[in-house]
Amino acid sequence: MDVNTAIEPVVSLARTTAEEVRSLLEKPENAGKTLRVYVEQGGCSGMQYAMVFDEQRPDDFVGGMHGISVLVDPFSAQYVRGAVIEFSEELVGGGFKISNPNAQQSCGCGKSFTA
């Protein structure tokens, strides 16, 4: 298996993010899976962030933080390298937020960006 193990993780997780991901991984439908962070075309700014629990692929970059492994495919890595994922439980504006140093512009919802 040709796996890219990053010396520095492609993305970083805040401790609260790792705790939330850990609780989601305990659900039966996520058993044996790993958090994948990726980007795709779409959203109001051109590219949008996405996260899913998935299985590892041969060309994935694999990193970890706070006991949680994170997968990033090579295409997405060029757009999210250095990003930090935070989680907030606030009623308004809560959820997962990605702070991306590679984004030239982000939309108001925080889910899409211009590279």
PDB file of N, CA and C in Angstrom:
ATOM      1  N   MET A   1       0.844  -1.170   0.000  1.00  0.00           N
ATOM      2  CA  MET A   1       0.000   0.000   0.000  1.00  0.00           C
ATOM      3  C   MET A   1       0.889   1.233   0.000  1.00  0.00           C
ATOM      4  N   ASP A   2       0.656   2.165  -0.918  1.00  0.00           N
ATOM      5  CA  ASP A   2       1.444   3.380  -1.040  1.00  0.00           C
ATOM      6  C   ASP A   2       0.739   4.506  -0.306  1.00  0.00           C
ATOM      7  N   VAL A   3       1.047   4.681   0.965  1.00  0.00           N
ATOM      8  CA  VAL A   3       0.381   5.678   1.786  1.00  0.00           C
ATOM      9  C   VAL A   3       1.337   6.826   2.038  1.00  0.00           C
ATOM     10  N   ASN A   4       0.856   8.047   1.897  1.00  0.00           N
ATOM     11  CA  ASN A   4       1.640   9.234   2.188  1.00  0.00           C
ATOM     12  C   ASN A   4       1.429   9.594   3.647  1.00  0.00           C
ATOM     13  N   THR A   5       2.442   9.396   4.475  1.00  0.00           N
ATOM     14  CA  THR A   5       2.345   9.779   5.864  1.00  0.00           C
ATOM     15  C   THR A   5       3.014  11.137   6.007  1.00  0.00           C
ATOM     16  N   ALA A   6       2.255  12.110   6.389  1.00  0.00           N
ATOM     17  CA  ALA A   6       2.774  13.464   6.496  1.00  0.00           C
ATOM     18  C   ALA A   6       3.601  13.620   7.760  1.00  0.00           C
ATOM     19  N   ILE A   7       4.771  14.262   7.626  1.00  0.00           N
ATOM     20  CA  ILE A   7       5.570  14.590   8.804  1.00  0.00           C
ATOM     21  C   ILE A   7       4.774  15.591   9.631  1.00  0.00           C
ATOM     22  N   GLU A   8       4.271  16.609   8.965  1.00  0.00           N
ATOM     23  CA  GLU A   8       3.339  17.552   9.564  1.00  0.00           C
ATOM     24  C   GLU A   8       1.962  17.177   9.027  1.00  0.00           C
ATOM     25  N   PRO A   9       0.954  17.094   9.857  1.00  0.00           N
ATOM     26  CA  PRO A   9      -0.383  16.786   9.326  1.00  0.00           C
ATOM     27  C   PRO A   9      -0.801  17.822   8.289  1.00  0.00           C
ATOM     28  N   VAL A  10      -1.523  17.393   7.274  1.00  0.00           N
ATOM     29  CA  VAL A  10      -2.013  18.316   6.252  1.00  0.00           C
ATOM     30  C   VAL A  10      -2.964  19.322   6.892  1.00  0.00           C
ATOM     31  N   VAL A  11      -3.850  18.841   7.758  1.00  0.00           N
ATOM     32  CA  VAL A  11      -4.747  19.717   8.512  1.00  0.00           C
ATOM     33  C   VAL A  11      -4.579  19.425   9.996  1.00  0.00           C
ATOM     34  N   SER A  12      -4.895  20.407  10.810  1.00  0.00           N
ATOM     35  CA  SER A  12      -4.812  20.250  12.261  1.00  0.00           C
ATOM     36  C   SER A  12      -6.211  20.273  12.859  1.00  0.00           C
ATOM     37  N   LEU A  13      -6.370  19.556  13.943  1.00  0.00           N
ATOM     38  CA  LEU A  13      -7.643  19.513  14.655  1.00  0.00           C
ATOM     39  C   LEU A  13      -7.485  20.181  16.012  1.00  0.00           C
ATOM     40  N   ALA A  14      -8.422  21.043  16.357  1.00  0.00           N
ATOM     41  CA  ALA A  14      -8.473  21.572  17.713  1.00  0.00           C
ATOM     42  C   ALA A  14      -8.902  20.426  18.631  1.00  0.00           C
ATOM     43  N   ARG A  15      -8.590  20.535  19.888  1.00  0.00           N
ATOM     44  CA  ARG A  15      -8.934  19.466  20.841  1.00  0.00           C
ATOM     45  C   ARG A  15     -10.453  19.217  20.857  1.00  0.00           C
ATOM     46  N   THR A  16     -11.260  20.270  20.823  1.00  0.00           N
ATOM     47  CA  THR A  16     -12.716  20.091  20.832  1.00  0.00           C
ATOM     48  C   THR A  16     -13.189  19.358  19.571  1.00  0.00           C
ATOM     49  N   THR A  17     -12.511  19.592  18.468  1.00  0.00           N
ATOM     50  CA  THR A  17     -12.840  18.896  17.225  1.00  0.00           C
ATOM     51  C   THR A  17     -12.557  17.413  17.371  1.00  0.00           C
ATOM     52  N   ALA A  18     -11.397  17.088  17.912  1.00  0.00           N
ATOM     53  CA  ALA A  18     -11.021  15.684  18.101  1.00  0.00           C
ATOM     54  C   ALA A  18     -12.024  14.981  19.012  1.00  0.00           C
ATOM     55  N   GLU A  19     -12.472  15.654  20.049  1.00  0.00           N
ATOM     56  CA  GLU A  19     -13.446  15.057  20.964  1.00  0.00           C
ATOM     57  C   GLU A  19     -14.770  14.785  20.246  1.00  0.00           C
ATOM     58  N   GLU A  20     -15.215  15.720  19.419  1.00  0.00           N
ATOM     59  CA  GLU A  20     -16.472  15.535  18.680  1.00  0.00           C
ATOM     60  C   GLU A  20     -16.335  14.406  17.660  1.00  0.00           C
ATOM     61  N   VAL A  21     -15.213  14.375  16.952  1.00  0.00           N
ATOM     62  CA  VAL A  21     -14.980  13.315  15.965  1.00  0.00           C
ATOM     63  C   VAL A  21     -14.933  11.955  16.662  1.00  0.00           C
ATOM     64  N   ARG A  22     -14.272  11.891  17.801  1.00  0.00           N
ATOM     65  CA  ARG A  22     -14.186  10.640  18.553  1.00  0.00           C
ATOM     66  C   ARG A  22     -15.583  10.137  18.926  1.00  0.00           C
ATOM     67  N   SER A  23     -16.464  11.041  19.346  1.00  0.00           N
ATOM     68  CA  SER A  23     -17.827  10.609  19.709  1.00  0.00           C
ATOM     69  C   SER A  23     -18.594  10.142  18.474  1.00  0.00           C
ATOM     70  N   LEU A  24     -18.374  10.774  17.319  1.00  0.00           N
ATOM     71  CA  LEU A  24     -19.042  10.341  16.089  1.00  0.00           C
ATOM     72  C   LEU A  24     -18.508   8.993  15.602  1.00  0.00           C
ATOM     73  N   LEU A  25     -17.227   8.735  15.837  1.00  0.00           N
ATOM     74  CA  LEU A  25     -16.639   7.455  15.434  1.00  0.00           C
ATOM     75  C   LEU A  25     -17.168   6.287  16.256  1.00  0.00           C
ATOM     76  N   GLU A  26     -17.755   6.574  17.409  1.00  0.00           N
ATOM     77  CA  GLU A  26     -18.317   5.526  18.253  1.00  0.00           C
ATOM     78  C   GLU A  26     -19.641   4.996  17.722  1.00  0.00           C
ATOM     79  N   LYS A  27     -20.245   5.688  16.774  1.00  0.00           N
ATOM     80  CA  LYS A  27     -21.507   5.232  16.193  1.00  0.00           C
ATOM     81  C   LYS A  27     -21.248   4.019  15.309  1.00  0.00           C
ATOM     82  N   PRO A  28     -22.142   3.029  15.347  1.00  0.00           N
ATOM     83  CA  PRO A  28     -21.936   1.787  14.589  1.00  0.00           C
ATOM     84  C   PRO A  28     -21.673   2.001  13.097  1.00  0.00           C
ATOM     85  N   GLU A  29     -22.330   2.967  12.484  1.00  0.00           N
ATOM     86  CA  GLU A  29     -22.151   3.180  11.043  1.00  0.00           C
ATOM     87  C   GLU A  29     -20.767   3.730  10.684  1.00  0.00           C
ATOM     88  N   ASN A  30     -20.021   4.204  11.684  1.00  0.00           N
ATOM     89  CA  ASN A  30     -18.684   4.740  11.433  1.00  0.00           C
ATOM     90  C   ASN A  30     -17.567   3.802  11.890  1.00  0.00           C
ATOM     91  N   ALA A  31     -17.926   2.633  12.370  1.00  0.00           N
ATOM     92  CA  ALA A  31     -16.939   1.680  12.878  1.00  0.00           C
ATOM     93  C   ALA A  31     -15.894   1.342  11.814  1.00  0.00           C
ATOM     94  N   GLY A  32     -14.633   1.426  12.197  1.00  0.00           N
ATOM     95  CA  GLY A  32     -13.542   1.069  11.299  1.00  0.00           C
ATOM     96  C   GLY A  32     -13.208   2.123  10.262  1.00  0.00           C
ATOM     97  N   LYS A  33     -13.828   3.284  10.352  1.00  0.00           N
ATOM     98  CA  LYS A  33     -13.582   4.337   9.370  1.00  0.00           C
ATOM     99  C   LYS A  33     -12.704   5.438   9.966  1.00  0.00           C
ATOM    100  N   THR A  34     -12.287   6.333   9.106  1.00  0.00           N
ATOM    101  CA  THR A  34     -11.393   7.425   9.489  1.00  0.00           C
ATOM    102  C   THR A  34     -11.957   8.728   8.933  1.00  0.00           C
ATOM    103  N   LEU A  35     -11.696   9.822   9.622  1.00  0.00           N
ATOM    104  CA  LEU A  35     -12.150  11.121   9.153  1.00  0.00           C
ATOM    105  C   LEU A  35     -11.407  11.503   7.879  1.00  0.00           C
ATOM    106  N   ARG A  36     -12.148  11.857   6.843  1.00  0.00           N
ATOM    107  CA  ARG A  36     -11.577  12.353   5.592  1.00  0.00           C
ATOM    108  C   ARG A  36     -12.009  13.806   5.424  1.00  0.00           C
ATOM    109  N   VAL A  37     -11.037  14.661   5.117  1.00  0.00           N
ATOM    110  CA  VAL A  37     -11.294  16.065   4.823  1.00  0.00           C
ATOM    111  C   VAL A  37     -10.942  16.259   3.354  1.00  0.00           C
ATOM    112  N   TYR A  38     -11.859  16.872   2.599  1.00  0.00           N
ATOM    113  CA  TYR A  38     -11.586  17.075   1.178  1.00  0.00           C
ATOM    114  C   TYR A  38     -12.278  18.333   0.675  1.00  0.00           C
ATOM    115  N   VAL A  39     -11.902  18.738  -0.532  1.00  0.00           N
ATOM    116  CA  VAL A  39     -12.554  19.870  -1.186  1.00  0.00           C
ATOM    117  C   VAL A  39     -13.125  19.382  -2.508  1.00  0.00           C
ATOM    118  N   GLU A  40     -14.141  20.087  -2.969  1.00  0.00           N
ATOM    119  CA  GLU A  40     -14.761  19.775  -4.249  1.00  0.00           C
ATOM    120  C   GLU A  40     -15.258  21.063  -4.876  1.00  0.00           C
ATOM    121  N   GLN A  41     -15.486  21.030  -6.171  1.00  0.00           N
ATOM    122  CA  GLN A  41     -16.035  22.189  -6.862  1.00  0.00           C
ATOM    123  C   GLN A  41     -17.443  22.442  -6.361  1.00  0.00           C
ATOM    124  N   GLY A  42     -17.791  23.709  -6.186  1.00  0.00           N
ATOM    125  CA  GLY A  42     -19.128  24.056  -5.756  1.00  0.00           C
ATOM    126  C   GLY A  42     -19.114  25.110  -4.680  1.00  0.00           C
ATOM    127  N   GLY A  43     -20.237  25.327  -4.095  1.00  0.00           N
ATOM    128  CA  GLY A  43     -20.353  26.353  -3.074  1.00  0.00           C
ATOM    129  C   GLY A  43     -20.425  27.729  -3.702  1.00  0.00           C
ATOM    130  N   CYS A  44     -20.676  28.723  -2.901  1.00  0.00           N
ATOM    131  CA  CYS A  44     -20.859  30.076  -3.433  1.00  0.00           C
ATOM    132  C   CYS A  44     -19.545  30.773  -3.758  1.00  0.00           C
ATOM    133  N   SER A  45     -18.408  30.199  -3.371  1.00  0.00           N
ATOM    134  CA  SER A  45     -17.122  30.831  -3.658  1.00  0.00           C
ATOM    135  C   SER A  45     -16.253  30.013  -4.610  1.00  0.00           C
ATOM    136  N   GLY A  46     -16.754  28.924  -5.152  1.00  0.00           N
ATOM    137  CA  GLY A  46     -15.998  28.148  -6.140  1.00  0.00           C
ATOM    138  C   GLY A  46     -15.568  26.770  -5.669  1.00  0.00           C
ATOM    139  N   MET A  47     -15.074  26.663  -4.454  1.00  0.00           N
ATOM    140  CA  MET A  47     -14.665  25.382  -3.868  1.00  0.00           C
ATOM    141  C   MET A  47     -15.382  25.261  -2.527  1.00  0.00           C
ATOM    142  N   GLN A  48     -15.684  24.029  -2.126  1.00  0.00           N
ATOM    143  CA  GLN A  48     -16.312  23.849  -0.825  1.00  0.00           C
ATOM    144  C   GLN A  48     -15.635  22.723  -0.062  1.00  0.00           C
ATOM    145  N   TYR A  49     -15.644  22.879   1.251  1.00  0.00           N
ATOM    146  CA  TYR A  49     -15.070  21.877   2.144  1.00  0.00           C
ATOM    147  C   TYR A  49     -16.078  20.770   2.384  1.00  0.00           C
ATOM    148  N   ALA A  50     -15.553  19.570   2.630  1.00  0.00           N
ATOM    149  CA  ALA A  50     -16.422  18.456   3.008  1.00  0.00           C
ATOM    150  C   ALA A  50     -15.648  17.540   3.942  1.00  0.00           C
ATOM    151  N   MET A  51     -16.378  16.867   4.803  1.00  0.00           N
ATOM    152  CA  MET A  51     -15.798  15.883   5.710  1.00  0.00           C
ATOM    153  C   MET A  51     -16.718  14.676   5.726  1.00  0.00           C
ATOM    154  N   VAL A  52     -16.125  13.498   5.787  1.00  0.00           N
ATOM    155  CA  VAL A  52     -16.891  12.260   5.790  1.00  0.00           C
ATOM    156  C   VAL A  52     -16.047  11.205   6.502  1.00  0.00           C
ATOM    157  N   PHE A  53     -16.711  10.187   7.008  1.00  0.00           N
ATOM    158  CA  PHE A  53     -15.977   9.042   7.546  1.00  0.00           C
ATOM    159  C   PHE A  53     -15.821   8.050   6.415  1.00  0.00           C
ATOM    160  N   ASP A  54     -14.600   7.623   6.172  1.00  0.00           N
ATOM    161  CA  ASP A  54     -14.284   6.873   4.973  1.00  0.00           C
ATOM    162  C   ASP A  54     -13.167   5.878   5.267  1.00  0.00           C
ATOM    163  N   GLU A  55     -12.885   5.059   4.262  1.00  0.00           N
ATOM    164  CA  GLU A  55     -11.763   4.125   4.355  1.00  0.00           C
ATOM    165  C   GLU A  55     -10.555   4.733   3.659  1.00  0.00           C
ATOM    166  N   GLN A  56      -9.396   4.328   4.115  1.00  0.00           N
ATOM    167  CA  GLN A  56      -8.148   4.851   3.570  1.00  0.00           C
ATOM    168  C   GLN A  56      -7.910   4.351   2.144  1.00  0.00           C
ATOM    169  N   ARG A  57      -7.397   5.239   1.289  1.00  0.00           N
ATOM    170  CA  ARG A  57      -7.044   4.917  -0.090  1.00  0.00           C
ATOM    171  C   ARG A  57      -5.525   4.943  -0.235  1.00  0.00           C
ATOM    172  N   PRO A  58      -4.987   4.252  -1.236  1.00  0.00           N
ATOM    173  CA  PRO A  58      -3.533   4.149  -1.362  1.00  0.00           C
ATOM    174  C   PRO A  58      -2.769   5.467  -1.455  1.00  0.00           C
ATOM    175  N   ASP A  59      -3.337   6.501  -2.063  1.00  0.00           N
ATOM    176  CA  ASP A  59      -2.590   7.751  -2.233  1.00  0.00           C
ATOM    177  C   ASP A  59      -2.915   8.817  -1.190  1.00  0.00           C
ATOM    178  N   ASP A  60      -3.663   8.476  -0.148  1.00  0.00           N
ATOM    179  CA  ASP A  60      -4.027   9.441   0.889  1.00  0.00           C
ATOM    180  C   ASP A  60      -2.830   9.908   1.691  1.00  0.00           C
ATOM    181  N   PHE A  61      -2.885  11.167   2.107  1.00  0.00           N
ATOM    182  CA  PHE A  61      -1.993  11.660   3.144  1.00  0.00           C
ATOM    183  C   PHE A  61      -2.678  11.312   4.449  1.00  0.00           C
ATOM    184  N   VAL A  62      -1.926  10.790   5.398  1.00  0.00           N
ATOM    185  CA  VAL A  62      -2.488  10.386   6.681  1.00  0.00           C
ATOM    186  C   VAL A  62      -1.772  11.160   7.776  1.00  0.00           C
ATOM    187  N   GLY A  63      -2.549  11.835   8.592  1.00  0.00           N
ATOM    188  CA  GLY A  63      -1.993  12.566   9.720  1.00  0.00           C
ATOM    189  C   GLY A  63      -2.863  12.322  10.927  1.00  0.00           C
ATOM    190  N   GLY A  64      -2.396  12.743  12.062  1.00  0.00           N
ATOM    191  CA  GLY A  64      -3.181  12.544  13.264  1.00  0.00           C
ATOM    192  C   GLY A  64      -2.939  13.637  14.271  1.00  0.00           C
ATOM    193  N   MET A  65      -3.925  13.844  15.107  1.00  0.00           N
ATOM    194  CA  MET A  65      -3.818  14.847  16.149  1.00  0.00           C
ATOM    195  C   MET A  65      -4.820  14.507  17.237  1.00  0.00           C
ATOM    196  N   HIS A  66      -4.376  14.571  18.487  1.00  0.00           N
ATOM    197  CA  HIS A  66      -5.238  14.291  19.645  1.00  0.00           C
ATOM    198  C   HIS A  66      -5.871  12.903  19.542  1.00  0.00           C
ATOM    199  N   GLY A  67      -5.144  11.940  18.968  1.00  0.00           N
ATOM    200  CA  GLY A  67      -5.634  10.570  18.879  1.00  0.00           C
ATOM    201  C   GLY A  67      -6.596  10.300  17.740  1.00  0.00           C
ATOM    202  N   ILE A  68      -6.791  11.248  16.848  1.00  0.00           N
ATOM    203  CA  ILE A  68      -7.700  11.081  15.709  1.00  0.00           C
ATOM    204  C   ILE A  68      -6.881  11.128  14.423  1.00  0.00           C
ATOM    205  N   SER A  69      -7.051  10.128  13.571  1.00  0.00           N
ATOM    206  CA  SER A  69      -6.394  10.120  12.262  1.00  0.00           C
ATOM    207  C   SER A  69      -7.238  10.889  11.261  1.00  0.00           C
ATOM    208  N   VAL A  70      -6.564  11.562  10.337  1.00  0.00           N
ATOM    209  CA  VAL A  70      -7.245  12.349   9.309  1.00  0.00           C
ATOM    210  C   VAL A  70      -6.660  11.975   7.951  1.00  0.00           C
ATOM    211  N   LEU A  71      -7.542  11.703   6.993  1.00  0.00           N
ATOM    212  CA  LEU A  71      -7.148  11.386   5.620  1.00  0.00           C
ATOM    213  C   LEU A  71      -7.398  12.598   4.734  1.00  0.00           C
ATOM    214  N   VAL A  72      -6.453  12.869   3.827  1.00  0.00           N
ATOM    215  CA  VAL A  72      -6.625  13.934   2.843  1.00  0.00           C
ATOM    216  C   VAL A  72      -6.057  13.413   1.525  1.00  0.00           C
ATOM    217  N   ASP A  73      -6.857  13.495   0.460  1.00  0.00           N
ATOM    218  CA  ASP A  73      -6.380  13.053  -0.851  1.00  0.00           C
ATOM    219  C   ASP A  73      -5.420  14.100  -1.423  1.00  0.00           C
ATOM    220  N   PRO A  74      -4.559  13.718  -2.370  1.00  0.00           N
ATOM    221  CA  PRO A  74      -3.570  14.655  -2.922  1.00  0.00           C
ATOM    222  C   PRO A  74      -4.184  15.910  -3.548  1.00  0.00           C
ATOM    223  N   PHE A  75      -5.301  15.796  -4.261  1.00  0.00           N
ATOM    224  CA  PHE A  75      -5.943  16.971  -4.855  1.00  0.00           C
ATOM    225  C   PHE A  75      -6.338  17.968  -3.774  1.00  0.00           C
ATOM    226  N   SER A  76      -6.995  17.485  -2.732  1.00  0.00           N
ATOM    227  CA  SER A  76      -7.467  18.362  -1.653  1.00  0.00           C
ATOM    228  C   SER A  76      -6.313  18.935  -0.839  1.00  0.00           C
ATOM    229  N   ALA A  77      -5.241  18.167  -0.677  1.00  0.00           N
ATOM    230  CA  ALA A  77      -4.112  18.608   0.144  1.00  0.00           C
ATOM    231  C   ALA A  77      -3.546  19.933  -0.339  1.00  0.00           C
ATOM    232  N   GLN A  78      -3.514  20.140  -1.651  1.00  0.00           N
ATOM    233  CA  GLN A  78      -2.963  21.399  -2.165  1.00  0.00           C
ATOM    234  C   GLN A  78      -3.808  22.612  -1.768  1.00  0.00           C
ATOM    235  N   TYR A  79      -5.063  22.405  -1.421  1.00  0.00           N
ATOM    236  CA  TYR A  79      -5.953  23.503  -1.040  1.00  0.00           C
ATOM    237  C   TYR A  79      -6.108  23.662   0.468  1.00  0.00           C
ATOM    238  N   VAL A  80      -5.904  22.599   1.239  1.00  0.00           N
ATOM    239  CA  VAL A  80      -6.170  22.682   2.679  1.00  0.00           C
ATOM    240  C   VAL A  80      -4.929  22.543   3.556  1.00  0.00           C
ATOM    241  N   ARG A  81      -3.752  22.411   2.957  1.00  0.00           N
ATOM    242  CA  ARG A  81      -2.534  22.259   3.768  1.00  0.00           C
ATOM    243  C   ARG A  81      -2.390  23.446   4.727  1.00  0.00           C
ATOM    244  N   GLY A  82      -2.238  23.135   5.999  1.00  0.00           N
ATOM    245  CA  GLY A  82      -2.095  24.165   7.018  1.00  0.00           C
ATOM    246  C   GLY A  82      -3.403  24.623   7.651  1.00  0.00           C
ATOM    247  N   ALA A  83      -4.528  24.093   7.181  1.00  0.00           N
ATOM    248  CA  ALA A  83      -5.827  24.495   7.724  1.00  0.00           C
ATOM    249  C   ALA A  83      -6.034  23.913   9.127  1.00  0.00           C
ATOM    250  N   VAL A  84      -6.840  24.599   9.901  1.00  0.00           N
ATOM    251  CA  VAL A  84      -7.189  24.159  11.256  1.00  0.00           C
ATOM    252  C   VAL A  84      -8.702  23.966  11.302  1.00  0.00           C
ATOM    253  N   ILE A  85      -9.124  22.803  11.807  1.00  0.00           N
ATOM    254  CA  ILE A  85     -10.552  22.515  11.934  1.00  0.00           C
ATOM    255  C   ILE A  85     -10.938  22.653  13.395  1.00  0.00           C
ATOM    256  N   GLU A  86     -11.929  23.499  13.641  1.00  0.00           N
ATOM    257  CA  GLU A  86     -12.412  23.732  14.993  1.00  0.00           C
ATOM    258  C   GLU A  86     -13.874  23.319  15.074  1.00  0.00           C
ATOM    259  N   PHE A  87     -14.311  22.988  16.281  1.00  0.00           N
ATOM    260  CA  PHE A  87     -15.707  22.625  16.507  1.00  0.00           C
ATOM    261  C   PHE A  87     -16.263  23.481  17.628  1.00  0.00           C
ATOM    262  N   SER A  88     -17.474  23.981  17.414  1.00  0.00           N
ATOM    263  CA  SER A  88     -18.145  24.798  18.412  1.00  0.00           C
ATOM    264  C   SER A  88     -19.554  24.267  18.624  1.00  0.00           C
ATOM    265  N   GLU A  89     -20.003  24.266  19.856  1.00  0.00           N
ATOM    266  CA  GLU A  89     -21.357  23.826  20.184  1.00  0.00           C
ATOM    267  C   GLU A  89     -22.336  24.983  20.301  1.00  0.00           C
ATOM    268  N   GLU A  90     -21.957  26.168  19.851  1.00  0.00           N
ATOM    269  CA  GLU A  90     -22.844  27.318  19.929  1.00  0.00           C
ATOM    270  C   GLU A  90     -24.110  27.078  19.108  1.00  0.00           C
ATOM    271  N   LEU A  91     -25.234  27.586  19.589  1.00  0.00           N
ATOM    272  CA  LEU A  91     -26.498  27.418  18.883  1.00  0.00           C
ATOM    273  C   LEU A  91     -26.492  28.130  17.545  1.00  0.00           C
ATOM    274  N   VAL A  92     -25.914  29.311  17.500  1.00  0.00           N
ATOM    275  CA  VAL A  92     -25.824  30.074  16.258  1.00  0.00           C
ATOM    276  C   VAL A  92     -24.369  30.051  15.801  1.00  0.00           C
ATOM    277  N   GLY A  93     -24.150  29.538  14.616  1.00  0.00           N
ATOM    278  CA  GLY A  93     -22.789  29.497  14.077  1.00  0.00           C
ATOM    279  C   GLY A  93     -21.956  28.351  14.599  1.00  0.00           C
ATOM    280  N   GLY A  94     -22.575  27.386  15.264  1.00  0.00           N
ATOM    281  CA  GLY A  94     -21.839  26.246  15.787  1.00  0.00           C
ATOM    282  C   GLY A  94     -21.562  25.221  14.710  1.00  0.00           C
ATOM    283  N   GLY A  95     -20.806  24.195  15.062  1.00  0.00           N
ATOM    284  CA  GLY A  95     -20.457  23.129  14.134  1.00  0.00           C
ATOM    285  C   GLY A  95     -18.975  23.163  13.802  1.00  0.00           C
ATOM    286  N   PHE A  96     -18.597  22.492  12.730  1.00  0.00           N
ATOM    287  CA  PHE A  96     -17.209  22.447  12.303  1.00  0.00           C
ATOM    288  C   PHE A  96     -16.882  23.679  11.471  1.00  0.00           C
ATOM    289  N   LYS A  97     -15.760  24.308  11.746  1.00  0.00           N
ATOM    290  CA  LYS A  97     -15.288  25.474  11.005  1.00  0.00           C
ATOM    291  C   LYS A  97     -13.851  25.209  10.573  1.00  0.00           C
ATOM    292  N   ILE A  98     -13.539  25.577   9.340  1.00  0.00           N
ATOM    293  CA  ILE A  98     -12.193  25.389   8.820  1.00  0.00           C
ATOM    294  C   ILE A  98     -11.553  26.750   8.601  1.00  0.00           C
ATOM    295  N   SER A  99     -10.419  26.974   9.256  1.00  0.00           N
ATOM    296  CA  SER A  99      -9.615  28.180   9.046  1.00  0.00           C
ATOM    297  C   SER A  99      -8.498  27.786   8.099  1.00  0.00           C
ATOM    298  N   ASN A 100      -8.553  28.315   6.881  1.00  0.00           N
ATOM    299  CA  ASN A 100      -7.650  27.875   5.823  1.00  0.00           C
ATOM    300  C   ASN A 100      -6.751  29.021   5.374  1.00  0.00           C
ATOM    301  N   PRO A 101      -5.423  28.909   5.597  1.00  0.00           N
ATOM    302  CA  PRO A 101      -4.515  29.971   5.178  1.00  0.00           C
ATOM    303  C   PRO A 101      -4.385  30.076   3.652  1.00  0.00           C
ATOM    304  N   ASN A 102      -4.846  29.080   2.917  1.00  0.00           N
ATOM    305  CA  ASN A 102      -4.756  29.075   1.459  1.00  0.00           C
ATOM    306  C   ASN A 102      -5.955  29.727   0.785  1.00  0.00           C
ATOM    307  N   ALA A 103      -6.984  30.017   1.540  1.00  0.00           N
ATOM    308  CA  ALA A 103      -8.201  30.612   0.973  1.00  0.00           C
ATOM    309  C   ALA A 103      -7.973  32.105   0.746  1.00  0.00           C
ATOM    310  N   GLN A 104      -8.147  32.528  -0.486  1.00  0.00           N
ATOM    311  CA  GLN A 104      -8.041  33.947  -0.790  1.00  0.00           C
ATOM    312  C   GLN A 104      -9.284  34.681  -0.319  1.00  0.00           C
ATOM    313  N   GLN A 105     -10.407  33.987  -0.362  1.00  0.00           N
ATOM    314  CA  GLN A 105     -11.678  34.577   0.039  1.00  0.00           C
ATOM    315  C   GLN A 105     -12.592  33.453   0.513  1.00  0.00           C
ATOM    316  N   SER A 106     -13.360  33.695   1.560  1.00  0.00           N
ATOM    317  CA  SER A 106     -14.334  32.722   2.059  1.00  0.00           C
ATOM    318  C   SER A 106     -15.712  33.350   2.043  1.00  0.00           C
ATOM    319  N   CYS A 107     -16.724  32.510   1.891  1.00  0.00           N
ATOM    320  CA  CYS A 107     -18.086  33.041   1.922  1.00  0.00           C
ATOM    321  C   CYS A 107     -18.540  33.175   3.370  1.00  0.00           C
ATOM    322  N   GLY A 108     -19.664  33.802   3.576  1.00  0.00           N
ATOM    323  CA  GLY A 108     -20.190  34.026   4.905  1.00  0.00           C
ATOM    324  C   GLY A 108     -20.500  32.772   5.685  1.00  0.00           C
ATOM    325  N   CYS A 109     -20.861  31.705   4.973  1.00  0.00           N
ATOM    326  CA  CYS A 109     -21.222  30.463   5.663  1.00  0.00           C
ATOM    327  C   CYS A 109     -19.991  29.717   6.153  1.00  0.00           C
ATOM    328  N   GLY A 110     -18.804  30.031   5.623  1.00  0.00           N
ATOM    329  CA  GLY A 110     -17.576  29.365   6.045  1.00  0.00           C
ATOM    330  C   GLY A 110     -17.381  27.991   5.470  1.00  0.00           C
ATOM    331  N   LYS A 111     -18.252  27.583   4.560  1.00  0.00           N
ATOM    332  CA  LYS A 111     -18.149  26.245   3.982  1.00  0.00           C
ATOM    333  C   LYS A 111     -17.569  26.249   2.567  1.00  0.00           C
ATOM    334  N   SER A 112     -17.404  27.436   1.990  1.00  0.00           N
ATOM    335  CA  SER A 112     -16.797  27.484   0.668  1.00  0.00           C
ATOM    336  C   SER A 112     -15.762  28.597   0.612  1.00  0.00           C
ATOM    337  N   PHE A 113     -14.883  28.512  -0.398  1.00  0.00           N
ATOM    338  CA  PHE A 113     -13.772  29.444  -0.479  1.00  0.00           C
ATOM    339  C   PHE A 113     -13.281  29.559  -1.917  1.00  0.00           C
ATOM    340  N   THR A 114     -12.489  30.580  -2.148  1.00  0.00           N
ATOM    341  CA  THR A 114     -11.806  30.771  -3.421  1.00  0.00           C
ATOM    342  C   THR A 114     -10.333  30.519  -3.158  1.00  0.00           C
ATOM    343  N   ALA A 115      -9.740  29.671  -3.988  1.00  0.00           N
ATOM    344  CA  ALA A 115      -8.322  29.329  -3.789  1.00  0.00           C
ATOM    345  C   ALA A 115      -7.435  30.330  -4.497  1.00  0.00           C
TER     346      ALA A 115
END
